[in-house]
Structure formats: C-alpha cells, structure tokens
Amino acid sequence: MEVKKRIAIITGASGGIGREFTRLMTFENVDEIWAIARNQTKLVALKKSLETK
C-alpha cells in the first residue's frame, strides 16, 4: 500500500497574501506546509507565530 502525503507549497510566504494563506493552511488537513520566501527574518517570525498553535 502506498502512503501519500498532502503537502502545501506556498511561495511569497513572508508577507501579504502568502503569509495569510500560510496561516490559513494550518487549519487544513495537510501533512506538511512548505513556506518559501526571500526574506528569511520574516519567514522565521512567521514560523515562530505558527508554532504556538
């Protein structure tokens, strides 16, 4: 039996629509969220804010 993961890949996750979409994906039935962004500082801040959920 093959096990498939549901992975959400979000670009532009450090700001604007990408950031909000990343937050919304935490409420969906996905196994992993891959957040991609150019601004590492904002991406790390987003990760920290999501870890509290």
C-alpha atoms as a PDB file:
ATOM      1  CA  MET A   1       0.000   0.000   0.000  1.00  0.00           C
ATOM      2  CA  GLU A   2       1.358   3.396  -0.982  1.00  0.00           C
ATOM      3  CA  VAL A   3       1.156   6.207   1.565  1.00  0.00           C
ATOM      4  CA  LYS A   4       0.739   9.681   0.110  1.00  0.00           C
ATOM      5  CA  LYS A   5       1.414  12.912   1.964  1.00  0.00           C
ATOM      6  CA  ARG A   6      -0.558  16.087   1.423  1.00  0.00           C
ATOM      7  CA  ILE A   7       1.979  18.899   1.108  1.00  0.00           C
ATOM      8  CA  ALA A   8       1.120  22.577   0.667  1.00  0.00           C
ATOM      9  CA  ILE A   9       3.850  24.621  -1.066  1.00  0.00           C
ATOM     10  CA  ILE A  10       3.411  28.361  -0.581  1.00  0.00           C
ATOM     11  CA  THR A  11       5.640  30.947  -2.241  1.00  0.00           C
ATOM     12  CA  GLY A  12       5.869  34.527  -1.045  1.00  0.00           C
ATOM     13  CA  ALA A  13       5.083  33.355   2.478  1.00  0.00           C
ATOM     14  CA  SER A  14       6.881  36.167   4.290  1.00  0.00           C
ATOM     15  CA  GLY A  15       4.282  38.817   3.575  1.00  0.00           C
ATOM     16  CA  GLY A  16       0.864  39.791   2.291  1.00  0.00           C
ATOM     17  CA  ILE A  17      -1.379  37.162   0.761  1.00  0.00           C
ATOM     18  CA  GLY A  18       1.296  34.466   1.008  1.00  0.00           C
ATOM     19  CA  ARG A  19       1.652  34.968   4.762  1.00  0.00           C
ATOM     20  CA  GLU A  20      -2.105  34.875   5.342  1.00  0.00           C
ATOM     21  CA  PHE A  21      -2.524  31.836   3.095  1.00  0.00           C
ATOM     22  CA  THR A  22       0.176  30.067   5.113  1.00  0.00           C
ATOM     23  CA  ARG A  23      -1.706  30.841   8.323  1.00  0.00           C
ATOM     24  CA  LEU A  24      -4.941  29.525   6.810  1.00  0.00           C
ATOM     25  CA  MET A  25      -3.280  26.299   5.709  1.00  0.00           C
ATOM     26  CA  THR A  26      -2.595  25.441   9.364  1.00  0.00           C
ATOM     27  CA  PHE A  27      -6.349  24.768   9.665  1.00  0.00           C
ATOM     28  CA  GLU A  28      -6.432  22.430   6.646  1.00  0.00           C
ATOM     29  CA  ASN A  29      -5.817  18.704   6.550  1.00  0.00           C
ATOM     30  CA  VAL A  30      -2.237  18.743   5.234  1.00  0.00           C
ATOM     31  CA  ASP A  31       0.755  16.762   6.424  1.00  0.00           C
ATOM     32  CA  GLU A  32       3.373  19.438   5.710  1.00  0.00           C
ATOM     33  CA  ILE A  33       3.486  23.112   4.819  1.00  0.00           C
ATOM     34  CA  TRP A  34       6.482  24.270   2.801  1.00  0.00           C
ATOM     35  CA  ALA A  35       6.665  28.070   3.134  1.00  0.00           C
ATOM     36  CA  ILE A  36       9.088  29.723   0.708  1.00  0.00           C
ATOM     37  CA  ALA A  37      10.168  33.367   0.845  1.00  0.00           C
ATOM     38  CA  ARG A  38      13.062  35.696   0.066  1.00  0.00           C
ATOM     39  CA  ASN A  39      13.001  37.459   3.443  1.00  0.00           C
ATOM     40  CA  GLN A  40      14.416  34.995   5.967  1.00  0.00           C
ATOM     41  CA  THR A  41      13.783  37.226   9.002  1.00  0.00           C
ATOM     42  CA  LYS A  42      10.063  37.497   8.235  1.00  0.00           C
ATOM     43  CA  LEU A  43       9.860  33.802   7.415  1.00  0.00           C
ATOM     44  CA  VAL A  44      11.384  32.866  10.774  1.00  0.00           C
ATOM     45  CA  ALA A  45       8.930  35.217  12.526  1.00  0.00           C
ATOM     46  CA  LEU A  46       6.048  33.535  10.689  1.00  0.00           C
ATOM     47  CA  LYS A  47       7.304  30.102  11.727  1.00  0.00           C
ATOM     48  CA  LYS A  48       7.505  31.171  15.375  1.00  0.00           C
ATOM     49  CA  SER A  49       3.965  32.577  15.272  1.00  0.00           C
ATOM     50  CA  LEU A  50       2.630  29.322  13.794  1.00  0.00           C
ATOM     51  CA  GLU A  51       4.428  27.109  16.332  1.00  0.00           C
ATOM     52  CA  THR A  52       2.204  28.485  19.105  1.00  0.00           C
ATOM     53  CA  LYS A  53      -0.898  26.810  17.568  1.00  0.00           C
END
